[in-house]
Amino acid sequence: MEHIPFKEQQFKARESAVIDAANRLMGQKGYDQMTMDDVAAELGISKGIIYKHFPSKESLAAAAMIRLLQETLAMLAALPPSLSARGKLEAALAWALRRRAEGGLPLLPANSAALQKALLANLGYVGQLLQLNAAVTALVEEARQDGSLRRDLPAEVMVHVIYARTCDPAFDFLKDTGRHPVDTLIEHLVASCFGGLAVPGSPP
C-alpha cells in the first residue's frame, strides 16, 4: 500500500472539508449568495487557507459539482439490478430530492458566464457530466423501449425534465409550508414527474 505523507493527508482532508462546507452553503444560500468568507467562517479558518486549495469561487463550485456527479454515478451503479430502467430513474430523482432537502445539493445559477466558463474549462467536471448524461439517457432510452416511458417525446427532453425537477423551486416552497412530510413530498414530485398530472386515458 502506498504511503501518503501526513501533510498530504492533512491537505486532502482540509480540501474535502472545504468542499463539504461549500456544498452546504450552496445548498442553503445558493451560489450567488455564498462567499469565500462564508466558507472560511463555516470552517473556522482564514480565507487565505481556502485559496491555497481553490484559487476562485468558481473553481470551488466546480470541485463541489464534480463530487456531486461522482456521488450520483456511484448511486446509480449501486441501484439493484432487479429495478427497471424507469424504477432506477425514479430512485435517482428521489435520491437527488432527498439530498436537496438535506442541503447537500448545490444550487448553481444558469446565467453566470464566469461560472459556466470555469465549469466547461474543468475537464474533470465535463468528463463526469458526460458520463452521467450518458447513463441517464441510456436509462430513458431503455424505458422508452420497454414501454414505461413515452416514445413520442425526445429522449433529450425527458432527460432534462428529470434534471429540472431536481432544482424545481416548487420543492422548496412546498417543503417550507410544513404541510407535507419530506418523504411524502418527494414521492408526490417523483410521481408527477413520471406519471404526469392527467388521469391516464382521460380526454385532453
Protein backbone atom coordinates (compact mmCIF):
# COMPACT_ATOMS: atom_id res chain seq x y z
CA MET A 1 0.00 0.00 0.00
CA GLU A 2 1.33 3.41 -0.98
CA HIS A 3 2.29 5.58 1.98
CA ILE A 4 0.81 9.08 1.86
CA PRO A 5 2.77 11.68 3.84
CA PHE A 6 0.88 13.09 6.82
CA LYS A 7 0.98 16.65 5.47
CA GLU A 8 -0.57 15.50 2.21
CA GLN A 9 -3.27 13.64 4.14
CA GLN A 10 -3.98 16.83 6.11
CA PHE A 11 -4.12 18.87 2.91
CA LYS A 12 -6.58 16.44 1.28
CA ALA A 13 -8.73 16.24 4.41
CA ARG A 14 -8.92 20.02 4.65
CA GLU A 15 -9.74 20.29 0.94
CA SER A 16 -12.54 17.79 1.41
CA ALA A 17 -13.86 19.80 4.38
CA VAL A 18 -13.84 22.97 2.27
CA ILE A 19 -15.88 21.24 -0.44
CA ASP A 20 -18.30 19.91 2.20
CA ALA A 21 -18.79 23.43 3.58
CA ALA A 22 -19.29 24.90 0.12
CA ASN A 23 -21.85 22.19 -0.66
CA ARG A 24 -23.83 23.01 2.47
CA LEU A 25 -23.71 26.75 1.85
CA MET A 26 -24.65 26.49 -1.82
CA GLY A 27 -27.50 24.21 -0.83
CA GLN A 28 -28.72 26.70 1.78
CA LYS A 29 -27.95 30.06 0.15
CA GLY A 30 -27.22 29.32 -3.49
CA TYR A 31 -24.02 30.06 -5.38
CA ASP A 32 -24.69 33.77 -5.84
CA GLN A 33 -25.13 34.46 -2.13
CA MET A 34 -22.28 32.26 -0.93
CA THR A 35 -18.91 33.96 -0.44
CA MET A 36 -15.46 32.62 0.28
CA ASP A 37 -15.72 34.45 3.63
CA ASP A 38 -18.81 32.34 4.38
CA VAL A 39 -16.88 29.15 3.68
CA ALA A 40 -13.99 30.27 5.88
CA ALA A 41 -16.37 31.18 8.71
CA GLU A 42 -18.15 27.84 8.38
CA LEU A 43 -14.84 26.04 8.95
CA GLY A 44 -13.26 28.49 11.39
CA ILE A 45 -10.23 29.08 9.17
CA SER A 46 -8.84 32.04 7.26
CA LYS A 47 -9.92 32.76 3.71
CA GLY A 48 -6.26 32.59 2.67
CA ILE A 49 -6.16 28.90 3.55
CA ILE A 50 -9.10 28.23 1.25
CA TYR A 51 -7.31 29.98 -1.62
CA LYS A 52 -4.42 27.52 -1.19
CA HIS A 53 -6.87 24.84 -2.33
CA PHE A 54 -9.11 26.76 -4.71
CA PRO A 55 -7.98 29.93 -6.50
CA SER A 56 -11.53 31.19 -7.02
CA LYS A 57 -15.14 30.74 -6.01
CA GLU A 58 -15.77 29.25 -9.46
CA SER A 59 -13.10 26.58 -9.01
CA LEU A 60 -14.56 25.67 -5.61
CA ALA A 61 -18.04 25.34 -7.13
CA ALA A 62 -16.59 23.12 -9.87
CA ALA A 63 -15.00 20.86 -7.25
CA ALA A 64 -18.32 20.64 -5.42
CA MET A 65 -20.11 19.72 -8.64
CA ILE A 66 -17.51 17.08 -9.54
CA ARG A 67 -18.04 15.44 -6.15
CA LEU A 68 -21.82 15.54 -6.61
CA LEU A 69 -21.54 13.99 -10.08
CA GLN A 70 -19.27 11.25 -8.71
CA GLU A 71 -21.71 10.51 -5.90
CA THR A 72 -24.62 10.45 -8.34
CA LEU A 73 -22.83 7.99 -10.62
CA ALA A 74 -21.98 5.81 -7.63
CA MET A 75 -25.62 5.88 -6.51
CA LEU A 76 -26.80 4.79 -9.98
CA ALA A 77 -24.25 1.98 -10.06
CA ALA A 78 -25.40 0.76 -6.64
CA LEU A 79 -29.10 0.51 -7.56
CA PRO A 80 -30.43 -3.07 -7.54
CA PRO A 81 -30.14 -4.74 -10.97
CA SER A 82 -33.70 -6.00 -10.49
CA LEU A 83 -35.05 -2.45 -10.78
CA SER A 84 -36.48 -1.49 -14.16
CA ALA A 85 -34.96 1.40 -16.09
CA ARG A 86 -37.85 3.66 -15.07
CA GLY A 87 -37.54 2.43 -11.49
CA LYS A 88 -33.87 3.45 -11.49
CA LEU A 89 -34.74 6.90 -12.87
CA GLU A 90 -37.41 7.36 -10.20
CA ALA A 91 -34.99 6.21 -7.47
CA ALA A 92 -32.33 8.60 -8.77
CA LEU A 93 -34.73 11.57 -8.72
CA ALA A 94 -35.89 10.67 -5.20
CA TRP A 95 -32.25 10.47 -4.07
CA ALA A 96 -31.46 13.89 -5.55
CA LEU A 97 -34.51 15.49 -3.93
CA ARG A 98 -33.60 13.94 -0.58
CA ARG A 99 -30.08 15.34 -0.90
CA ARG A 100 -31.60 18.70 -1.68
CA ALA A 101 -33.88 18.53 1.36
CA GLU A 102 -30.80 17.87 3.49
CA GLY A 103 -28.98 20.87 2.00
CA GLY A 104 -26.49 18.73 0.12
CA LEU A 105 -27.40 19.68 -3.44
CA PRO A 106 -25.55 22.81 -4.65
CA LEU A 107 -27.76 25.41 -6.31
CA LEU A 108 -25.86 26.97 -9.19
CA PRO A 109 -27.11 29.84 -11.36
CA ALA A 110 -27.73 29.14 -15.03
CA ASN A 111 -26.79 32.68 -16.07
CA SER A 112 -23.32 33.13 -14.56
CA ALA A 113 -20.93 33.40 -17.50
CA ALA A 114 -17.86 33.20 -15.25
CA LEU A 115 -19.10 30.05 -13.55
CA GLN A 116 -20.13 28.40 -16.81
CA LYS A 117 -16.72 29.16 -18.30
CA ALA A 118 -14.95 27.72 -15.26
CA LEU A 119 -17.06 24.57 -15.32
CA LEU A 120 -16.60 23.95 -19.04
CA ALA A 121 -12.86 24.52 -18.71
CA ASN A 122 -12.65 21.87 -15.98
CA LEU A 123 -12.00 18.54 -17.70
CA GLY A 124 -12.91 16.61 -14.57
CA TYR A 125 -16.32 18.25 -14.42
CA VAL A 126 -17.02 17.85 -18.14
CA GLY A 127 -15.97 14.20 -18.08
CA GLN A 128 -18.19 13.34 -15.12
CA LEU A 129 -21.10 15.30 -16.59
CA LEU A 130 -20.87 13.48 -19.92
CA GLN A 131 -20.71 10.15 -18.10
CA LEU A 132 -23.80 10.94 -16.02
CA ASN A 133 -25.70 12.25 -19.03
CA ALA A 134 -24.89 9.07 -20.96
CA ALA A 135 -26.08 6.90 -18.05
CA VAL A 136 -29.37 8.78 -17.61
CA THR A 137 -30.00 8.90 -21.37
CA ALA A 138 -29.42 5.14 -21.60
CA LEU A 139 -31.99 4.53 -18.85
CA VAL A 140 -34.51 6.81 -20.56
CA GLU A 141 -33.99 5.01 -23.88
CA GLU A 142 -34.40 1.63 -22.19
CA ALA A 143 -37.61 2.77 -20.50
CA ARG A 144 -38.91 4.08 -23.83
CA GLN A 145 -38.21 0.72 -25.43
CA ASP A 146 -39.95 -1.30 -22.70
CA GLY A 147 -42.99 0.99 -22.92
CA SER A 148 -42.78 2.53 -19.45
CA LEU A 149 -41.93 5.98 -20.84
CA ARG A 150 -43.48 7.77 -23.81
CA ARG A 151 -41.93 7.33 -27.22
CA ASP A 152 -43.46 10.45 -28.72
CA LEU A 153 -41.20 12.74 -26.66
CA PRO A 154 -37.48 13.05 -27.50
CA ALA A 155 -35.19 11.32 -25.00
CA GLU A 156 -33.18 14.54 -24.63
CA VAL A 157 -36.31 16.40 -23.48
CA MET A 158 -37.11 13.70 -20.93
CA VAL A 159 -33.57 13.73 -19.55
CA HIS A 160 -33.64 17.48 -19.00
CA VAL A 161 -37.13 17.38 -17.48
CA ILE A 162 -35.75 14.96 -14.86
CA TYR A 163 -32.73 17.21 -14.26
CA ALA A 164 -35.00 20.25 -13.96
CA ARG A 165 -37.17 18.59 -11.32
CA THR A 166 -34.14 18.28 -9.02
CA CYS A 167 -33.88 22.09 -8.84
CA ASP A 168 -37.59 22.97 -9.11
CA PRO A 169 -38.34 25.91 -6.75
CA ALA A 170 -41.75 24.34 -6.06
CA PHE A 171 -39.96 21.75 -3.92
CA ASP A 172 -38.59 24.36 -1.51
CA PHE A 173 -41.91 26.21 -1.35
CA LEU A 174 -43.92 23.07 -0.60
CA LYS A 175 -41.34 21.80 1.89
CA ASP A 176 -41.24 25.12 3.74
CA THR A 177 -45.03 25.19 4.18
CA GLY A 178 -44.65 22.22 6.50
CA ARG A 179 -47.90 20.74 5.20
CA HIS A 180 -46.19 17.79 3.57
CA PRO A 181 -43.68 15.40 5.20
CA VAL A 182 -40.49 15.48 3.14
CA ASP A 183 -40.64 11.80 2.18
CA THR A 184 -44.26 12.15 1.09
CA LEU A 185 -43.47 15.32 -0.88
CA ILE A 186 -40.64 13.54 -2.67
CA GLU A 187 -42.98 10.67 -3.56
CA HIS A 188 -45.53 13.14 -4.97
CA LEU A 189 -42.95 15.01 -7.04
CA VAL A 190 -41.47 11.80 -8.46
CA ALA A 191 -44.96 10.53 -9.28
CA SER A 192 -45.94 13.78 -11.00
CA CYS A 193 -42.68 13.83 -12.98
CA PHE A 194 -43.03 10.31 -14.35
CA GLY A 195 -46.80 9.83 -14.26
CA GLY A 196 -47.90 13.33 -15.19
CA LEU A 197 -50.88 15.21 -13.80
CA ALA A 198 -53.63 13.91 -16.08
CA VAL A 199 -55.66 10.82 -15.27
CA PRO A 200 -54.46 8.04 -17.62
CA GLY A 201 -56.81 7.75 -20.59
CA SER A 202 -58.70 10.96 -19.77
CA PRO A 203 -59.52 13.29 -22.68
CA PRO A 204 -57.29 16.36 -23.16
